[in-house]
Amino acid sequence: MRDYGNIPVLRWEGAISAKKASLQIHHAEPLVLQMQENFKMDIDAPSYDCKLGKTTESHIDCRASTLLKALAEQNEVPELANLGDAAEEAGQVVDIDTSSHRIIFHD
């Protein structure tokens, strides 16, 4: 897994977190979204152009809009889909770490 130690972390708390994250993403700044423990991250990584990270729980450089739309639908969190669109517009990709429930936005 990549080192995300210098990227700000935002704990997901619903709509307010989506607004904060959106501002960060629109400025093409990296961000780690820490999702809740019950957040489902079951995906078919190749469908979203993800590459395998160092572990089977990490997927890197995923196509943001389609991945986040799928996660939003799976978890009934529509605000997350909007973040995927914002990331695409800002030229960002997404890494996910299913073991720690993190979604990482970066360029």
Protein backbone atom coordinates (compact mmCIF):
# COMPACT_ATOMS: atom_id res chain seq x y z
CA MET A 1 0.00 0.00 0.00
CA ARG A 2 1.16 3.50 -0.65
CA ASP A 3 2.08 5.86 2.15
CA TYR A 4 -0.87 8.13 2.91
CA GLY A 5 0.62 9.53 6.11
CA ASN A 6 0.79 13.10 4.82
CA ILE A 7 -2.77 13.18 3.41
CA PRO A 8 -5.54 14.74 5.54
CA VAL A 9 -8.10 12.29 6.92
CA LEU A 10 -11.82 13.06 7.07
CA ARG A 11 -14.11 10.73 9.02
CA TRP A 12 -17.31 10.09 7.09
CA GLU A 13 -20.32 11.45 8.96
CA GLY A 14 -22.83 11.85 6.14
CA ALA A 15 -23.83 14.94 4.21
CA ILE A 16 -21.57 17.34 6.14
CA SER A 17 -18.57 15.17 5.37
CA ALA A 18 -19.56 15.07 1.71
CA LYS A 19 -19.54 18.88 1.57
CA LYS A 20 -16.13 19.10 3.23
CA ALA A 21 -14.71 16.39 0.99
CA SER A 22 -16.16 18.01 -2.12
CA LEU A 23 -14.31 21.26 -1.41
CA GLN A 24 -11.02 19.40 -1.01
CA ILE A 25 -11.57 17.31 -4.14
CA HIS A 26 -12.63 20.27 -6.31
CA HIS A 27 -9.27 21.83 -5.51
CA ALA A 28 -7.58 18.57 -6.65
CA GLU A 29 -6.12 18.10 -3.18
CA PRO A 30 -5.58 14.57 -1.87
CA LEU A 31 -7.91 13.28 0.81
CA VAL A 32 -8.47 10.11 2.82
CA LEU A 33 -12.11 9.38 3.64
CA GLN A 34 -12.34 7.15 6.68
CA MET A 35 -15.59 5.28 6.31
CA GLN A 36 -17.51 3.60 9.13
CA GLU A 37 -16.75 -0.02 10.05
CA ASN A 38 -20.03 -1.25 8.58
CA PHE A 39 -19.35 0.38 5.19
CA LYS A 40 -19.43 -2.31 2.50
CA MET A 41 -16.52 -2.26 0.06
CA ASP A 42 -17.20 -5.43 -1.91
CA ILE A 43 -16.18 -4.60 -5.46
CA ASP A 44 -14.96 -6.27 -8.61
CA ALA A 45 -11.79 -4.18 -8.80
CA PRO A 46 -10.94 -4.81 -12.49
CA SER A 47 -14.37 -3.45 -13.46
CA TYR A 48 -13.24 -0.05 -12.19
CA ASP A 49 -9.76 -0.19 -13.75
CA CYS A 50 -8.21 -0.75 -10.32
CA LYS A 51 -4.75 -2.19 -10.01
CA LEU A 52 -3.93 -4.54 -7.18
CA GLY A 53 -2.03 -2.90 -4.34
CA LYS A 54 0.47 -4.64 -2.10
CA THR A 55 -2.29 -6.69 -0.44
CA THR A 56 -5.52 -8.23 -1.66
CA GLU A 57 -7.42 -5.66 0.42
CA SER A 58 -5.93 -2.67 -1.40
CA HIS A 59 -6.79 -1.48 -4.88
CA ILE A 60 -5.08 1.52 -6.45
CA ASP A 61 -5.68 4.02 -9.24
CA CYS A 62 -9.36 3.16 -9.66
CA ARG A 63 -11.71 5.12 -11.91
CA ALA A 64 -13.37 7.38 -9.36
CA SER A 65 -16.82 8.07 -10.80
CA THR A 66 -17.94 4.52 -11.49
CA LEU A 67 -16.37 3.04 -8.36
CA LEU A 68 -17.91 5.60 -6.02
CA LYS A 69 -21.29 5.30 -7.72
CA ALA A 70 -21.20 1.56 -7.08
CA LEU A 71 -20.14 2.03 -3.45
CA ALA A 72 -22.81 4.73 -3.00
CA GLU A 73 -25.50 2.40 -4.30
CA GLN A 74 -24.25 -0.58 -2.29
CA ASN A 75 -24.26 1.46 0.94
CA GLU A 76 -27.22 3.75 0.18
CA VAL A 77 -25.05 6.86 0.46
CA PRO A 78 -25.89 8.99 -2.62
CA GLU A 79 -23.52 11.81 -1.62
CA LEU A 80 -20.60 9.52 -2.33
CA ALA A 81 -21.51 9.29 -6.02
CA ASN A 82 -21.18 13.07 -6.33
CA LEU A 83 -17.64 12.88 -4.93
CA GLY A 84 -16.72 10.43 -7.66
CA ASP A 85 -17.89 12.88 -10.32
CA ALA A 86 -15.96 15.69 -8.64
CA ALA A 87 -12.82 13.56 -8.56
CA GLU A 88 -13.12 12.79 -12.27
CA GLU A 89 -13.51 16.51 -13.04
CA ALA A 90 -10.42 17.28 -10.94
CA GLY A 91 -8.38 14.55 -12.66
CA GLN A 92 -8.12 12.43 -9.53
CA VAL A 93 -8.19 8.68 -9.08
CA VAL A 94 -9.17 6.65 -6.04
CA ASP A 95 -7.40 4.01 -3.99
CA ILE A 96 -9.39 1.88 -1.59
CA ASP A 97 -8.26 -0.14 1.37
CA THR A 98 -11.05 -2.53 2.26
CA SER A 99 -9.38 -3.73 5.47
CA SER A 100 -9.34 -0.26 7.03
CA HIS A 101 -12.44 1.11 5.24
CA ARG A 102 -10.57 3.98 3.59
CA ILE A 103 -11.16 5.74 0.28
CA ILE A 104 -8.17 7.79 -0.88
CA PHE A 105 -8.47 10.55 -3.48
CA HIS A 106 -5.27 11.62 -5.25
CA ASP A 107 -3.87 12.62 -8.62
